[in-house]
Amino acid sequence: MEKLLLIAIPDTAGVEQIAAKLRLRTVTVAPENYGKSLGSLAGYAAGTVPVSAETTLPETGLLVMCGLKNSRMDKLLAALRTAGIRIPHKAVLTPTNQNWNVYQLAQELERERQAMEKR
């Protein structure tokens, strides 16, 4: 099932509009659900993960793409670029990260971003 998890994204309406054109379902994740696993937020396995209170989310939010084929993902990313919607912290739901909570994903994406900047 193709869907997007929208986490603390400032321009939720813009992303939802693009998703609707591409016939993608969106799920806006409320802060009280940040401790749940990404898989459960996407509608797969249920579960909660310990929440680290120290972690903050990026001000541009997080976008998690669930079940999208590469061609659909390319169309989504191109449409976001064309619309000027900047979400630097994007991820694909995987068997590994489906058991992470929102904070764990944010930490990993930030680590990856910093590693790329050092190159």
PDB file of N, CA and C in Angstrom:
ATOM      1  N   MET A   1       0.840  -1.169   0.000  1.00  0.00           N
ATOM      2  CA  MET A   1       0.000   0.000   0.000  1.00  0.00           C
ATOM      3  C   MET A   1       0.891   1.239   0.000  1.00  0.00           C
ATOM      4  N   GLU A   2       0.728   2.101  -0.990  1.00  0.00           N
ATOM      5  CA  GLU A   2       1.527   3.316  -1.114  1.00  0.00           C
ATOM      6  C   GLU A   2       0.969   4.404  -0.200  1.00  0.00           C
ATOM      7  N   LYS A   3       1.874   4.972   0.596  1.00  0.00           N
ATOM      8  CA  LYS A   3       1.458   6.092   1.436  1.00  0.00           C
ATOM      9  C   LYS A   3       2.670   6.877   1.869  1.00  0.00           C
ATOM     10  N   LEU A   4       2.404   8.089   2.335  1.00  0.00           N
ATOM     11  CA  LEU A   4       3.451   8.977   2.846  1.00  0.00           C
ATOM     12  C   LEU A   4       3.140   9.300   4.297  1.00  0.00           C
ATOM     13  N   LEU A   5       4.150   9.198   5.152  1.00  0.00           N
ATOM     14  CA  LEU A   5       4.018   9.658   6.532  1.00  0.00           C
ATOM     15  C   LEU A   5       4.574  11.075   6.585  1.00  0.00           C
ATOM     16  N   LEU A   6       3.752  12.013   6.995  1.00  0.00           N
ATOM     17  CA  LEU A   6       4.155  13.417   7.105  1.00  0.00           C
ATOM     18  C   LEU A   6       4.364  13.717   8.578  1.00  0.00           C
ATOM     19  N   ILE A   7       5.606  14.043   8.927  1.00  0.00           N
ATOM     20  CA  ILE A   7       5.968  14.247  10.326  1.00  0.00           C
ATOM     21  C   ILE A   7       6.520  15.642  10.504  1.00  0.00           C
ATOM     22  N   ALA A   8       5.769  16.498  11.181  1.00  0.00           N
ATOM     23  CA  ALA A   8       6.187  17.873  11.499  1.00  0.00           C
ATOM     24  C   ALA A   8       6.588  18.670  10.262  1.00  0.00           C
ATOM     25  N   ILE A   9       5.914  18.444   9.147  1.00  0.00           N
ATOM     26  CA  ILE A   9       6.210  19.166   7.907  1.00  0.00           C
ATOM     27  C   ILE A   9       5.425  20.476   7.907  1.00  0.00           C
ATOM     28  N   PRO A  10       6.130  21.609   7.751  1.00  0.00           N
ATOM     29  CA  PRO A  10       5.432  22.903   7.777  1.00  0.00           C
ATOM     30  C   PRO A  10       4.387  23.060   6.669  1.00  0.00           C
ATOM     31  N   ASP A  11       4.693  22.605   5.442  1.00  0.00           N
ATOM     32  CA  ASP A  11       3.761  22.764   4.324  1.00  0.00           C
ATOM     33  C   ASP A  11       3.018  21.458   4.057  1.00  0.00           C
ATOM     34  N   THR A  12       2.311  20.985   5.069  1.00  0.00           N
ATOM     35  CA  THR A  12       1.570  19.735   4.933  1.00  0.00           C
ATOM     36  C   THR A  12       0.566  19.822   3.788  1.00  0.00           C
ATOM     37  N   ALA A  13      -0.110  20.955   3.665  1.00  0.00           N
ATOM     38  CA  ALA A  13      -1.130  21.113   2.616  1.00  0.00           C
ATOM     39  C   ALA A  13      -0.514  20.968   1.227  1.00  0.00           C
ATOM     40  N   GLY A  14       0.665  21.541   1.024  1.00  0.00           N
ATOM     41  CA  GLY A  14       1.335  21.445  -0.273  1.00  0.00           C
ATOM     42  C   GLY A  14       1.702  20.010  -0.607  1.00  0.00           C
ATOM     43  N   VAL A  15       2.214  19.286   0.364  1.00  0.00           N
ATOM     44  CA  VAL A  15       2.582  17.884   0.148  1.00  0.00           C
ATOM     45  C   VAL A  15       1.327  17.062  -0.102  1.00  0.00           C
ATOM     46  N   GLU A  16       0.271  17.314   0.650  1.00  0.00           N
ATOM     47  CA  GLU A  16      -0.981  16.576   0.460  1.00  0.00           C
ATOM     48  C   GLU A  16      -1.555  16.816  -0.923  1.00  0.00           C
ATOM     49  N   GLN A  17      -1.435  18.038  -1.418  1.00  0.00           N
ATOM     50  CA  GLN A  17      -1.946  18.377  -2.747  1.00  0.00           C
ATOM     51  C   GLN A  17      -1.191  17.587  -3.827  1.00  0.00           C
ATOM     52  N   ILE A  18       0.127  17.539  -3.704  1.00  0.00           N
ATOM     53  CA  ILE A  18       0.939  16.778  -4.664  1.00  0.00           C
ATOM     54  C   ILE A  18       0.615  15.292  -4.551  1.00  0.00           C
ATOM     55  N   ALA A  19       0.502  14.794  -3.329  1.00  0.00           N
ATOM     56  CA  ALA A  19       0.191  13.382  -3.120  1.00  0.00           C
ATOM     57  C   ALA A  19      -1.163  13.033  -3.748  1.00  0.00           C
ATOM     58  N   ALA A  20      -2.138  13.910  -3.598  1.00  0.00           N
ATOM     59  CA  ALA A  20      -3.460  13.654  -4.174  1.00  0.00           C
ATOM     60  C   ALA A  20      -3.379  13.543  -5.695  1.00  0.00           C
ATOM     61  N   LYS A  21      -2.593  14.413  -6.317  1.00  0.00           N
ATOM     62  CA  LYS A  21      -2.435  14.352  -7.782  1.00  0.00           C
ATOM     63  C   LYS A  21      -1.800  13.034  -8.215  1.00  0.00           C
ATOM     64  N   LEU A  22      -0.920  12.508  -7.374  1.00  0.00           N
ATOM     65  CA  LEU A  22      -0.246  11.249  -7.689  1.00  0.00           C
ATOM     66  C   LEU A  22      -0.993  10.030  -7.130  1.00  0.00           C
ATOM     67  N   ARG A  23      -2.151  10.283  -6.530  1.00  0.00           N
ATOM     68  CA  ARG A  23      -2.978   9.233  -5.926  1.00  0.00           C
ATOM     69  C   ARG A  23      -2.227   8.469  -4.821  1.00  0.00           C
ATOM     70  N   LEU A  24      -1.549   9.243  -3.986  1.00  0.00           N
ATOM     71  CA  LEU A  24      -0.844   8.684  -2.836  1.00  0.00           C
ATOM     72  C   LEU A  24      -1.591   9.069  -1.571  1.00  0.00           C
ATOM     73  N   ARG A  25      -1.741   8.133  -0.683  1.00  0.00           N
ATOM     74  CA  ARG A  25      -2.386   8.402   0.603  1.00  0.00           C
ATOM     75  C   ARG A  25      -1.374   9.072   1.523  1.00  0.00           C
ATOM     76  N   THR A  26      -1.826  10.028   2.309  1.00  0.00           N
ATOM     77  CA  THR A  26      -0.951  10.677   3.288  1.00  0.00           C
ATOM     78  C   THR A  26      -1.469  10.404   4.694  1.00  0.00           C
ATOM     79  N   VAL A  27      -0.529  10.300   5.624  1.00  0.00           N
ATOM     80  CA  VAL A  27      -0.851  10.147   7.034  1.00  0.00           C
ATOM     81  C   VAL A  27      -0.048  11.210   7.768  1.00  0.00           C
ATOM     82  N   THR A  28      -0.750  12.183   8.349  1.00  0.00           N
ATOM     83  CA  THR A  28      -0.071  13.197   9.148  1.00  0.00           C
ATOM     84  C   THR A  28       0.073  12.636  10.555  1.00  0.00           C
ATOM     85  N   VAL A  29       1.323  12.516  10.997  1.00  0.00           N
ATOM     86  CA  VAL A  29       1.608  11.902  12.291  1.00  0.00           C
ATOM     87  C   VAL A  29       1.596  12.982  13.374  1.00  0.00           C
ATOM     88  N   ALA A  30       0.731  12.818  14.348  1.00  0.00           N
ATOM     89  CA  ALA A  30       0.613  13.758  15.463  1.00  0.00           C
ATOM     90  C   ALA A  30       1.743  13.522  16.466  1.00  0.00           C
ATOM     91  N   PRO A  31       2.194  14.583  17.147  1.00  0.00           N
ATOM     92  CA  PRO A  31       3.295  14.447  18.109  1.00  0.00           C
ATOM     93  C   PRO A  31       3.089  13.363  19.159  1.00  0.00           C
ATOM     94  N   GLU A  32       1.870  13.128  19.574  1.00  0.00           N
ATOM     95  CA  GLU A  32       1.637  12.100  20.596  1.00  0.00           C
ATOM     96  C   GLU A  32       1.904  10.682  20.061  1.00  0.00           C
ATOM     97  N   ASN A  33       2.071  10.550  18.749  1.00  0.00           N
ATOM     98  CA  ASN A  33       2.350   9.241  18.152  1.00  0.00           C
ATOM     99  C   ASN A  33       3.815   9.040  17.777  1.00  0.00           C
ATOM    100  N   TYR A  34       4.671   9.992  18.115  1.00  0.00           N
ATOM    101  CA  TYR A  34       6.083   9.900  17.735  1.00  0.00           C
ATOM    102  C   TYR A  34       6.799   8.730  18.396  1.00  0.00           C
ATOM    103  N   GLY A  35       6.266   8.183  19.470  1.00  0.00           N
ATOM    104  CA  GLY A  35       6.880   7.045  20.140  1.00  0.00           C
ATOM    105  C   GLY A  35       6.506   5.707  19.527  1.00  0.00           C
ATOM    106  N   LYS A  36       5.537   5.699  18.639  1.00  0.00           N
ATOM    107  CA  LYS A  36       5.125   4.459  17.976  1.00  0.00           C
ATOM    108  C   LYS A  36       6.114   4.110  16.874  1.00  0.00           C
ATOM    109  N   SER A  37       6.161   2.837  16.527  1.00  0.00           N
ATOM    110  CA  SER A  37       7.067   2.418  15.458  1.00  0.00           C
ATOM    111  C   SER A  37       6.563   2.964  14.123  1.00  0.00           C
ATOM    112  N   LEU A  38       7.504   3.209  13.219  1.00  0.00           N
ATOM    113  CA  LEU A  38       7.133   3.697  11.886  1.00  0.00           C
ATOM    114  C   LEU A  38       6.230   2.691  11.188  1.00  0.00           C
ATOM    115  N   GLY A  39       6.492   1.408  11.395  1.00  0.00           N
ATOM    116  CA  GLY A  39       5.653   0.380  10.788  1.00  0.00           C
ATOM    117  C   GLY A  39       4.211   0.475  11.241  1.00  0.00           C
ATOM    118  N   SER A  40       3.998   0.708  12.533  1.00  0.00           N
ATOM    119  CA  SER A  40       2.622   0.821  13.023  1.00  0.00           C
ATOM    120  C   SER A  40       1.974   2.099  12.511  1.00  0.00           C
ATOM    121  N   LEU A  41       2.741   3.177  12.398  1.00  0.00           N
ATOM    122  CA  LEU A  41       2.190   4.426  11.855  1.00  0.00           C
ATOM    123  C   LEU A  41       1.773   4.262  10.394  1.00  0.00           C
ATOM    124  N   ALA A  42       2.494   3.385   9.685  1.00  0.00           N
ATOM    125  CA  ALA A  42       2.178   3.136   8.279  1.00  0.00           C
ATOM    126  C   ALA A  42       1.062   2.108   8.119  1.00  0.00           C
ATOM    127  N   GLY A  43       0.625   1.528   9.246  1.00  0.00           N
ATOM    128  CA  GLY A  43      -0.471   0.570   9.183  1.00  0.00           C
ATOM    129  C   GLY A  43      -0.021  -0.873   9.112  1.00  0.00           C
ATOM    130  N   TYR A  44       1.226  -1.136   9.436  1.00  0.00           N
ATOM    131  CA  TYR A  44       1.733  -2.511   9.416  1.00  0.00           C
ATOM    132  C   TYR A  44       1.769  -3.042  10.846  1.00  0.00           C
ATOM    133  N   ALA A  45       2.897  -3.502  11.301  1.00  0.00           N
ATOM    134  CA  ALA A  45       3.017  -4.088  12.637  1.00  0.00           C
ATOM    135  C   ALA A  45       2.796  -3.039  13.722  1.00  0.00           C
ATOM    136  N   ALA A  46       2.135  -3.444  14.805  1.00  0.00           N
ATOM    137  CA  ALA A  46       1.910  -2.531  15.925  1.00  0.00           C
ATOM    138  C   ALA A  46       3.111  -2.576  16.855  1.00  0.00           C
ATOM    139  N   GLY A  47       3.287  -1.527  17.610  1.00  0.00           N
ATOM    140  CA  GLY A  47       4.368  -1.523  18.581  1.00  0.00           C
ATOM    141  C   GLY A  47       4.768  -0.125  18.974  1.00  0.00           C
ATOM    142  N   THR A  48       5.380  -0.018  20.118  1.00  0.00           N
ATOM    143  CA  THR A  48       5.937   1.244  20.558  1.00  0.00           C
ATOM    144  C   THR A  48       7.406   1.031  20.851  1.00  0.00           C
ATOM    145  N   VAL A  49       8.145   2.109  20.795  1.00  0.00           N
ATOM    146  CA  VAL A  49       9.578   2.079  20.992  1.00  0.00           C
ATOM    147  C   VAL A  49       9.897   3.113  22.055  1.00  0.00           C
ATOM    148  N   PRO A  50      10.876   2.861  22.921  1.00  0.00           N
ATOM    149  CA  PRO A  50      11.211   3.873  23.923  1.00  0.00           C
ATOM    150  C   PRO A  50      11.523   5.221  23.273  1.00  0.00           C
ATOM    151  N   VAL A  51      11.000   6.292  23.841  1.00  0.00           N
ATOM    152  CA  VAL A  51      11.182   7.639  23.291  1.00  0.00           C
ATOM    153  C   VAL A  51      12.318   8.336  24.010  1.00  0.00           C
ATOM    154  N   SER A  52      13.203   8.928  23.231  1.00  0.00           N
ATOM    155  CA  SER A  52      14.288   9.730  23.790  1.00  0.00           C
ATOM    156  C   SER A  52      13.828  11.176  23.836  1.00  0.00           C
ATOM    157  N   ALA A  53      13.738  11.733  25.023  1.00  0.00           N
ATOM    158  CA  ALA A  53      13.251  13.110  25.172  1.00  0.00           C
ATOM    159  C   ALA A  53      14.255  14.132  24.667  1.00  0.00           C
ATOM    160  N   GLU A  54      15.500  13.723  24.475  1.00  0.00           N
ATOM    161  CA  GLU A  54      16.544  14.663  24.061  1.00  0.00           C
ATOM    162  C   GLU A  54      16.452  15.028  22.587  1.00  0.00           C
ATOM    163  N   THR A  55      15.827  14.213  21.790  1.00  0.00           N
ATOM    164  CA  THR A  55      15.823  14.384  20.355  1.00  0.00           C
ATOM    165  C   THR A  55      14.827  15.454  19.912  1.00  0.00           C
ATOM    166  N   THR A  56      15.276  16.310  19.020  1.00  0.00           N
ATOM    167  CA  THR A  56      14.371  17.277  18.408  1.00  0.00           C
ATOM    168  C   THR A  56      14.243  16.918  16.936  1.00  0.00           C
ATOM    169  N   LEU A  57      13.144  17.282  16.364  1.00  0.00           N
ATOM    170  CA  LEU A  57      12.920  17.007  14.951  1.00  0.00           C
ATOM    171  C   LEU A  57      13.401  18.185  14.119  1.00  0.00           C
ATOM    172  N   PRO A  58      13.846  17.933  12.897  1.00  0.00           N
ATOM    173  CA  PRO A  58      14.262  19.036  12.035  1.00  0.00           C
ATOM    174  C   PRO A  58      13.079  19.957  11.762  1.00  0.00           C
ATOM    175  N   GLU A  59      13.357  21.254  11.662  1.00  0.00           N
ATOM    176  CA  GLU A  59      12.257  22.209  11.452  1.00  0.00           C
ATOM    177  C   GLU A  59      11.577  22.031  10.109  1.00  0.00           C
ATOM    178  N   THR A  60      12.232  21.346   9.170  1.00  0.00           N
ATOM    179  CA  THR A  60      11.609  21.080   7.874  1.00  0.00           C
ATOM    180  C   THR A  60      10.801  19.789   7.891  1.00  0.00           C
ATOM    181  N   GLY A  61      10.827  19.069   9.011  1.00  0.00           N
ATOM    182  CA  GLY A  61      10.037  17.858   9.154  1.00  0.00           C
ATOM    183  C   GLY A  61      10.687  16.646   8.526  1.00  0.00           C
ATOM    184  N   LEU A  62       9.949  15.548   8.547  1.00  0.00           N
ATOM    185  CA  LEU A  62      10.397  14.272   7.993  1.00  0.00           C
ATOM    186  C   LEU A  62       9.326  13.740   7.051  1.00  0.00           C
ATOM    187  N   LEU A  63       9.760  13.140   5.961  1.00  0.00           N
ATOM    188  CA  LEU A  63       8.850  12.498   5.024  1.00  0.00           C
ATOM    189  C   LEU A  63       9.274  11.044   4.902  1.00  0.00           C
ATOM    190  N   VAL A  64       8.351  10.122   5.194  1.00  0.00           N
ATOM    191  CA  VAL A  64       8.641   8.694   5.073  1.00  0.00           C
ATOM    192  C   VAL A  64       7.758   8.132   3.959  1.00  0.00           C
ATOM    193  N   MET A  65       8.412   7.552   2.960  1.00  0.00           N
ATOM    194  CA  MET A  65       7.712   6.982   1.816  1.00  0.00           C
ATOM    195  C   MET A  65       7.541   5.482   2.047  1.00  0.00           C
ATOM    196  N   CYS A  66       6.309   5.022   1.977  1.00  0.00           N
ATOM    197  CA  CYS A  66       5.989   3.622   2.289  1.00  0.00           C
ATOM    198  C   CYS A  66       5.405   2.930   1.064  1.00  0.00           C
ATOM    199  N   GLY A  67       6.077   1.889   0.613  1.00  0.00           N
ATOM    200  CA  GLY A  67       5.542   1.063  -0.470  1.00  0.00           C
ATOM    201  C   GLY A  67       5.612   1.652  -1.856  1.00  0.00           C
ATOM    202  N   LEU A  68       6.379   2.701  -2.070  1.00  0.00           N
ATOM    203  CA  LEU A  68       6.467   3.322  -3.392  1.00  0.00           C
ATOM    204  C   LEU A  68       7.538   2.630  -4.228  1.00  0.00           C
ATOM    205  N   LYS A  69       7.221   2.373  -5.481  1.00  0.00           N
ATOM    206  CA  LYS A  69       8.221   1.873  -6.417  1.00  0.00           C
ATOM    207  C   LYS A  69       9.110   3.053  -6.806  1.00  0.00           C
ATOM    208  N   ASN A  70      10.291   2.742  -7.330  1.00  0.00           N
ATOM    209  CA  ASN A  70      11.248   3.804  -7.673  1.00  0.00           C
ATOM    210  C   ASN A  70      10.664   4.846  -8.613  1.00  0.00           C
ATOM    211  N   SER A  71       9.910   4.416  -9.619  1.00  0.00           N
ATOM    212  CA  SER A  71       9.354   5.366 -10.587  1.00  0.00           C
ATOM    213  C   SER A  71       8.357   6.311  -9.915  1.00  0.00           C
ATOM    214  N   ARG A  72       7.563   5.800  -8.993  1.00  0.00           N
ATOM    215  CA  ARG A  72       6.596   6.639  -8.270  1.00  0.00           C
ATOM    216  C   ARG A  72       7.318   7.600  -7.333  1.00  0.00           C
ATOM    217  N   MET A  73       8.383   7.109  -6.715  1.00  0.00           N
ATOM    218  CA  MET A  73       9.170   7.945  -5.826  1.00  0.00           C
ATOM    219  C   MET A  73       9.810   9.084  -6.617  1.00  0.00           C
ATOM    220  N   ASP A  74      10.333   8.775  -7.792  1.00  0.00           N
ATOM    221  CA  ASP A  74      10.943   9.796  -8.646  1.00  0.00           C
ATOM    222  C   ASP A  74       9.924  10.876  -9.011  1.00  0.00           C
ATOM    223  N   LYS A  75       8.696  10.466  -9.346  1.00  0.00           N
ATOM    224  CA  LYS A  75       7.644  11.432  -9.692  1.00  0.00           C
ATOM    225  C   LYS A  75       7.305  12.313  -8.493  1.00  0.00           C
ATOM    226  N   LEU A  76       7.211  11.715  -7.328  1.00  0.00           N
ATOM    227  CA  LEU A  76       6.908  12.474  -6.118  1.00  0.00           C
ATOM    228  C   LEU A  76       8.013  13.495  -5.845  1.00  0.00           C
ATOM    229  N   LEU A  77       9.257  13.061  -5.874  1.00  0.00           N
ATOM    230  CA  LEU A  77      10.376  13.957  -5.567  1.00  0.00           C
ATOM    231  C   LEU A  77      10.475  15.090  -6.590  1.00  0.00           C
ATOM    232  N   ALA A  78      10.233  14.768  -7.859  1.00  0.00           N
ATOM    233  CA  ALA A  78      10.258  15.801  -8.896  1.00  0.00           C
ATOM    234  C   ALA A  78       9.135  16.813  -8.668  1.00  0.00           C
ATOM    235  N   ALA A  79       7.961  16.337  -8.311  1.00  0.00           N
ATOM    236  CA  ALA A  79       6.825  17.240  -8.068  1.00  0.00           C
ATOM    237  C   ALA A  79       7.091  18.138  -6.861  1.00  0.00           C
ATOM    238  N   LEU A  80       7.700  17.595  -5.810  1.00  0.00           N
ATOM    239  CA  LEU A  80       8.039  18.414  -4.639  1.00  0.00           C
ATOM    240  C   LEU A  80       9.051  19.497  -5.017  1.00  0.00           C
ATOM    241  N   ARG A  81      10.067  19.108  -5.806  1.00  0.00           N
ATOM    242  CA  ARG A  81      11.070  20.094  -6.260  1.00  0.00           C
ATOM    243  C   ARG A  81      10.419  21.191  -7.085  1.00  0.00           C
ATOM    244  N   THR A  82       9.587  20.794  -8.028  1.00  0.00           N
ATOM    245  CA  THR A  82       8.911  21.751  -8.908  1.00  0.00           C
ATOM    246  C   THR A  82       8.053  22.729  -8.099  1.00  0.00           C
ATOM    247  N   ALA A  83       7.415  22.230  -7.057  1.00  0.00           N
ATOM    248  CA  ALA A  83       6.548  23.069  -6.209  1.00  0.00           C
ATOM    249  C   ALA A  83       7.356  23.898  -5.210  1.00  0.00           C
ATOM    250  N   GLY A  84       8.660  23.653  -5.142  1.00  0.00           N
ATOM    251  CA  GLY A  84       9.494  24.405  -4.207  1.00  0.00           C
ATOM    252  C   GLY A  84       9.344  23.961  -2.762  1.00  0.00           C
ATOM    253  N   ILE A  85       8.865  22.742  -2.562  1.00  0.00           N
ATOM    254  CA  ILE A  85       8.710  22.207  -1.204  1.00  0.00           C
ATOM    255  C   ILE A  85       9.995  21.476  -0.840  1.00  0.00           C
ATOM    256  N   ARG A  86      10.679  21.998   0.159  1.00  0.00           N
ATOM    257  CA  ARG A  86      11.984  21.471   0.552  1.00  0.00           C
ATOM    258  C   ARG A  86      11.835  20.638   1.835  1.00  0.00           C
ATOM    259  N   ILE A  87      12.102  19.350   1.709  1.00  0.00           N
ATOM    260  CA  ILE A  87      12.091  18.442   2.858  1.00  0.00           C
ATOM    261  C   ILE A  87      13.403  17.649   2.789  1.00  0.00           C
ATOM    262  N   PRO A  88      14.460  18.147   3.418  1.00  0.00           N
ATOM    263  CA  PRO A  88      15.752  17.459   3.312  1.00  0.00           C
ATOM    264  C   PRO A  88      15.798  16.093   3.986  1.00  0.00           C
ATOM    265  N   HIS A  89      14.968  15.867   4.966  1.00  0.00           N
ATOM    266  CA  HIS A  89      14.992  14.606   5.715  1.00  0.00           C
ATOM    267  C   HIS A  89      13.884  13.690   5.209  1.00  0.00           C
ATOM    268  N   LYS A  90      14.272  12.837   4.240  1.00  0.00           N
ATOM    269  CA  LYS A  90      13.330  11.889   3.642  1.00  0.00           C
ATOM    270  C   LYS A  90      13.862  10.477   3.849  1.00  0.00           C
ATOM    271  N   ALA A  91      12.941   9.528   3.964  1.00  0.00           N
ATOM    272  CA  ALA A  91      13.331   8.134   4.137  1.00  0.00           C
ATOM    273  C   ALA A  91      12.316   7.233   3.464  1.00  0.00           C
ATOM    274  N   VAL A  92      12.754   6.019   3.203  1.00  0.00           N
ATOM    275  CA  VAL A  92      11.892   4.965   2.701  1.00  0.00           C
ATOM    276  C   VAL A  92      11.694   3.990   3.852  1.00  0.00           C
ATOM    277  N   LEU A  93      10.474   3.548   4.070  1.00  0.00           N
ATOM    278  CA  LEU A  93      10.208   2.557   5.107  1.00  0.00           C
ATOM    279  C   LEU A  93      10.860   1.246   4.694  1.00  0.00           C
ATOM    280  N   THR A  94      11.698   0.700   5.567  1.00  0.00           N
ATOM    281  CA  THR A  94      12.425  -0.538   5.283  1.00  0.00           C
ATOM    282  C   THR A  94      12.185  -1.542   6.415  1.00  0.00           C
ATOM    283  N   PRO A  95      12.563  -2.800   6.202  1.00  0.00           N
ATOM    284  CA  PRO A  95      12.443  -3.772   7.301  1.00  0.00           C
ATOM    285  C   PRO A  95      13.264  -3.363   8.528  1.00  0.00           C
ATOM    286  N   THR A  96      14.342  -2.642   8.323  1.00  0.00           N
ATOM    287  CA  THR A  96      15.167  -2.205   9.451  1.00  0.00           C
ATOM    288  C   THR A  96      14.522  -1.053  10.195  1.00  0.00           C
ATOM    289  N   ASN A  97      14.119   0.011   9.491  1.00  0.00           N
ATOM    290  CA  ASN A  97      13.621   1.200  10.198  1.00  0.00           C
ATOM    291  C   ASN A  97      12.149   1.119  10.580  1.00  0.00           C
ATOM    292  N   GLN A  98      11.429   0.095  10.148  1.00  0.00           N
ATOM    293  CA  GLN A  98      10.012   0.003  10.507  1.00  0.00           C
ATOM    294  C   GLN A  98       9.819  -0.180  12.015  1.00  0.00           C
ATOM    295  N   ASN A  99      10.862  -0.612  12.708  1.00  0.00           N
ATOM    296  CA  ASN A  99      10.774  -0.797  14.157  1.00  0.00           C
ATOM    297  C   ASN A  99      11.302   0.410  14.928  1.00  0.00           C
ATOM    298  N   TRP A 100      11.723   1.458  14.235  1.00  0.00           N
ATOM    299  CA  TRP A 100      12.196   2.681  14.880  1.00  0.00           C
ATOM    300  C   TRP A 100      11.020   3.603  15.148  1.00  0.00           C
ATOM    301  N   ASN A 101      11.192   4.504  16.117  1.00  0.00           N
ATOM    302  CA  ASN A 101      10.190   5.555  16.296  1.00  0.00           C
ATOM    303  C   ASN A 101      10.644   6.798  15.528  1.00  0.00           C
ATOM    304  N   VAL A 102       9.842   7.827  15.535  1.00  0.00           N
ATOM    305  CA  VAL A 102      10.121   9.046  14.786  1.00  0.00           C
ATOM    306  C   VAL A 102      11.444   9.668  15.223  1.00  0.00           C
ATOM    307  N   TYR A 103      11.714   9.666  16.514  1.00  0.00           N
ATOM    308  CA  TYR A 103      12.941  10.278  17.022  1.00  0.00           C
ATOM    309  C   TYR A 103      14.184   9.520  16.564  1.00  0.00           C
ATOM    310  N   GLN A 104      14.108   8.192  16.571  1.00  0.00           N
ATOM    311  CA  GLN A 104      15.240   7.393  16.109  1.00  0.00           C
ATOM    312  C   GLN A 104      15.509   7.647  14.627  1.00  0.00           C
ATOM    313  N   LEU A 105      14.443   7.747  13.840  1.00  0.00           N
ATOM    314  CA  LEU A 105      14.601   8.048  12.416  1.00  0.00           C
ATOM    315  C   LEU A 105      15.235   9.420  12.232  1.00  0.00           C
ATOM    316  N   ALA A 106      14.769  10.409  12.988  1.00  0.00           N
ATOM    317  CA  ALA A 106      15.321  11.763  12.885  1.00  0.00           C
ATOM    318  C   ALA A 106      16.811  11.768  13.203  1.00  0.00           C
ATOM    319  N   GLN A 107      17.212  11.029  14.239  1.00  0.00           N
ATOM    320  CA  GLN A 107      18.629  10.957  14.602  1.00  0.00           C
ATOM    321  C   GLN A 107      19.451  10.344  13.471  1.00  0.00           C
ATOM    322  N   GLU A 108      18.968   9.257  12.897  1.00  0.00           N
ATOM    323  CA  GLU A 108      19.702   8.592  11.825  1.00  0.00           C
ATOM    324  C   GLU A 108      19.796   9.470  10.581  1.00  0.00           C
ATOM    325  N   LEU A 109      18.700  10.113  10.206  1.00  0.00           N
ATOM    326  CA  LEU A 109      18.724  10.980   9.032  1.00  0.00           C
ATOM    327  C   LEU A 109      19.675  12.158   9.233  1.00  0.00           C
ATOM    328  N   GLU A 110      19.722  12.684  10.435  1.00  0.00           N
ATOM    329  CA  GLU A 110      20.644  13.785  10.716  1.00  0.00           C
ATOM    330  C   GLU A 110      22.087  13.303  10.650  1.00  0.00           C
ATOM    331  N   ARG A 111      22.363  12.121  11.177  1.00  0.00           N
ATOM    332  CA  ARG A 111      23.722  11.547  11.081  1.00  0.00           C
ATOM    333  C   ARG A 111      24.129  11.390   9.619  1.00  0.00           C
ATOM    334  N   GLU A 112      23.214  10.890   8.799  1.00  0.00           N
ATOM    335  CA  GLU A 112      23.498  10.700   7.382  1.00  0.00           C
ATOM    336  C   GLU A 112      23.730  12.040   6.679  1.00  0.00           C
ATOM    337  N   ARG A 113      22.924  13.028   7.007  1.00  0.00           N
ATOM    338  CA  ARG A 113      23.078  14.354   6.407  1.00  0.00           C
ATOM    339  C   ARG A 113      24.442  14.949   6.733  1.00  0.00           C
ATOM    340  N   GLN A 114      24.847  14.845   7.987  1.00  0.00           N
ATOM    341  CA  GLN A 114      26.138  15.374   8.418  1.00  0.00           C
ATOM    342  C   GLN A 114      27.287  14.630   7.741  1.00  0.00           C
ATOM    343  N   ALA A 115      27.150  13.327   7.590  1.00  0.00           N
ATOM    344  CA  ALA A 115      28.186  12.539   6.909  1.00  0.00           C
ATOM    345  C   ALA A 115      28.330  12.969   5.453  1.00  0.00           C
ATOM    346  N   MET A 116      27.213  13.237   4.795  1.00  0.00           N
ATOM    347  CA  MET A 116      27.245  13.676   3.397  1.00  0.00           C
ATOM    348  C   MET A 116      27.887  15.045   3.257  1.00  0.00           C
ATOM    349  N   GLU A 117      27.637  15.934   4.223  1.00  0.00           N
ATOM    350  CA  GLU A 117      28.221  17.282   4.182  1.00  0.00           C
ATOM    351  C   GLU A 117      29.734  17.249   4.344  1.00  0.00           C
ATOM    352  N   LYS A 118      30.259  16.241   5.055  1.00  0.00           N
ATOM    353  CA  LYS A 118      31.696  16.128   5.283  1.00  0.00           C
ATOM    354  C   LYS A 118      32.447  15.650   4.052  1.00  0.00           C
ATOM    355  N   ARG A 119      31.748  15.092   3.095  1.00  0.00           N
ATOM    356  CA  ARG A 119      32.390  14.559   1.870  1.00  0.00           C
ATOM    357  C   ARG A 119      33.009  15.630   1.058  1.00  0.00           C
TER     358      ARG A 119
END
